[in-house]
C-alpha atoms as a PDB file:
ATOM      1  CA  MET A   1     -31.716  91.615  17.002  1.00  0.00           C
ATOM      2  CA  THR A   2     -32.353  92.838  20.768  1.00  0.00           C
ATOM      3  CA  THR A   3     -34.118  90.857  23.037  1.00  0.00           C
ATOM      4  CA  SER A   4     -36.901  90.993  25.055  1.00  0.00           C
ATOM      5  CA  PRO A   5     -35.703  93.221  28.483  1.00  0.00           C
ATOM      6  CA  ILE A   6     -38.310  91.334  29.961  1.00  0.00           C
ATOM      7  CA  THR A   7     -36.481  88.368  31.376  1.00  0.00           C
ATOM      8  CA  THR A   8     -39.750  86.109  33.375  1.00  0.00           C
ATOM      9  CA  TRP A   9     -43.313  86.399  32.984  1.00  0.00           C
ATOM     10  CA  GLU A  10     -43.939  85.362  37.077  1.00  0.00           C
ATOM     11  CA  GLY A  11     -47.002  87.440  38.072  1.00  0.00           C
ATOM     12  CA  ALA A  12     -47.607  89.548  35.026  1.00  0.00           C
ATOM     13  CA  GLN A  13     -51.171  90.205  34.475  1.00  0.00           C
ATOM     14  CA  ALA A  14     -53.281  91.039  31.610  1.00  0.00           C
ATOM     15  CA  VAL A  15     -54.966  94.587  31.288  1.00  0.00           C
ATOM     16  CA  PHE A  16     -57.984  94.634  28.708  1.00  0.00           C
ATOM     17  CA  THR A  17     -59.309  98.143  27.706  1.00  0.00           C
ATOM     18  CA  PHE A  18     -62.559  96.740  26.656  1.00  0.00           C
ATOM     19  CA  GLY A  19     -63.472  94.498  28.525  1.00  0.00           C
ATOM     20  CA  PRO A  20     -66.940  92.871  29.577  1.00  0.00           C
ATOM     21  CA  GLY A  21     -68.578  95.620  31.859  1.00  0.00           C
ATOM     22  CA  SER A  22     -66.271  98.515  31.019  1.00  0.00           C
ATOM     23  CA  LEU A  23     -67.033 101.997  29.694  1.00  0.00           C
ATOM     24  CA  GLY A  24     -65.522 101.033  26.156  1.00  0.00           C
ATOM     25  CA  VAL A  25     -67.744  98.076  25.236  1.00  0.00           C
ATOM     26  CA  TRP A  26     -70.874 101.036  27.135  1.00  0.00           C
ATOM     27  CA  LEU A  27     -69.456 103.461  24.750  1.00  0.00           C
ATOM     28  CA  PHE A  28     -69.622 101.410  21.621  1.00  0.00           C
ATOM     29  CA  LEU A  29     -72.915 100.177  22.126  1.00  0.00           C
ATOM     30  CA  ALA A  30     -74.323 103.642  22.393  1.00  0.00           C
ATOM     31  CA  LEU A  31     -72.564 104.734  19.366  1.00  0.00           C
ATOM     32  CA  ALA A  32     -73.625 101.881  17.255  1.00  0.00           C
ATOM     33  CA  VAL A  33     -77.634 101.954  18.613  1.00  0.00           C
ATOM     34  CA  ALA A  34     -76.695 105.827  17.616  1.00  0.00           C
ATOM     35  CA  ILE A  35     -75.782 104.913  14.614  1.00  0.00           C
ATOM     36  CA  VAL A  36     -78.492 102.471  13.714  1.00  0.00           C
ATOM     37  CA  ILE A  37     -81.869 104.846  15.134  1.00  0.00           C
ATOM     38  CA  GLY A  38     -79.925 107.849  13.149  1.00  0.00           C
ATOM     39  CA  VAL A  39     -79.898 105.879   9.532  1.00  0.00           C
ATOM     40  CA  ALA A  40     -83.849 104.784  10.325  1.00  0.00           C
ATOM     41  CA  ALA A  41     -84.755 108.277  11.395  1.00  0.00           C
ATOM     42  CA  ARG A  42     -82.564 110.176   8.417  1.00  0.00           C
ATOM     43  CA  MET A  43     -84.302 106.517   6.001  1.00  0.00           C
ATOM     44  CA  ILE A  44     -87.801 107.679   7.030  1.00  0.00           C
ATOM     45  CA  GLN A  45     -87.302 111.603   6.752  1.00  0.00           C
ATOM     46  CA  HIS A  46     -85.961 110.443   2.741  1.00  0.00           C
ATOM     47  CA  GLU A  47     -88.490 108.457   1.905  1.00  0.00           C
ATOM     48  CA  ASN A  48     -91.704 110.890   3.533  1.00  0.00           C
ATOM     49  CA  HIS A  49     -90.194 113.378   1.090  1.00  0.00           C
ATOM     50  CA  THR A  50     -90.016 111.427  -1.647  1.00  0.00           C
ATOM     51  CA  PHE A  51     -93.457 109.975  -1.428  1.00  0.00           C
ATOM     52  CA  ARG A  52     -95.146 113.851  -1.054  1.00  0.00           C
ATOM     53  CA  GLU A  53     -92.262 115.223  -3.449  1.00  0.00           C
ATOM     54  CA  LEU A  54     -94.583 112.296  -6.445  1.00  0.00           C
ATOM     55  CA  SER A  55     -97.732 112.365  -4.529  1.00  0.00           C
ATOM     56  CA  PRO A  56     -98.380 108.948  -5.669  1.00  0.00           C
ATOM     57  CA  ASP A  57    -102.493 109.217  -5.685  1.00  0.00           C
ATOM     58  CA  LEU A  58    -102.685 105.870  -5.964  1.00  0.00           C
ATOM     59  CA  MET A  59    -106.028 104.367  -3.821  1.00  0.00           C
ATOM     60  CA  HIS A  60    -107.905 107.041  -6.094  1.00  0.00           C
ATOM     61  CA  GLY A  61    -106.555 107.070  -9.419  1.00  0.00           C
ATOM     62  CA  GLY A  62    -104.495 104.722 -10.823  1.00  0.00           C
ATOM     63  CA  ALA A  63    -102.967 101.379  -9.519  1.00  0.00           C
ATOM     64  CA  PHE A  64    -105.502  99.960  -7.613  1.00  0.00           C
ATOM     65  CA  LYS A  65    -108.511 101.613  -9.410  1.00  0.00           C
ATOM     66  CA  GLY A  66    -111.173  98.123  -9.270  1.00  0.00           C
ATOM     67  CA  VAL A  67    -108.942  96.045  -7.103  1.00  0.00           C
ATOM     68  CA  ASN A  68    -110.987  94.700  -4.325  1.00  0.00           C
ATOM     69  CA  ILE A  69    -108.666  95.655  -1.093  1.00  0.00           C
END
């Protein structure tokens, strides 16, 4: 079994790639926000397309007839 070539830990420092305020944090935050907005926009497009295709005119001739809204 080989041992570590480091004999002392004096003066050692930690380097955080994605520490607070770093570019990585902002990059992943922007990516997450873009994904959420993209999914929501695509969902709205899909819903609008589906309702246009089905043409549910519920207010004039269907489910809500006779209902006091």
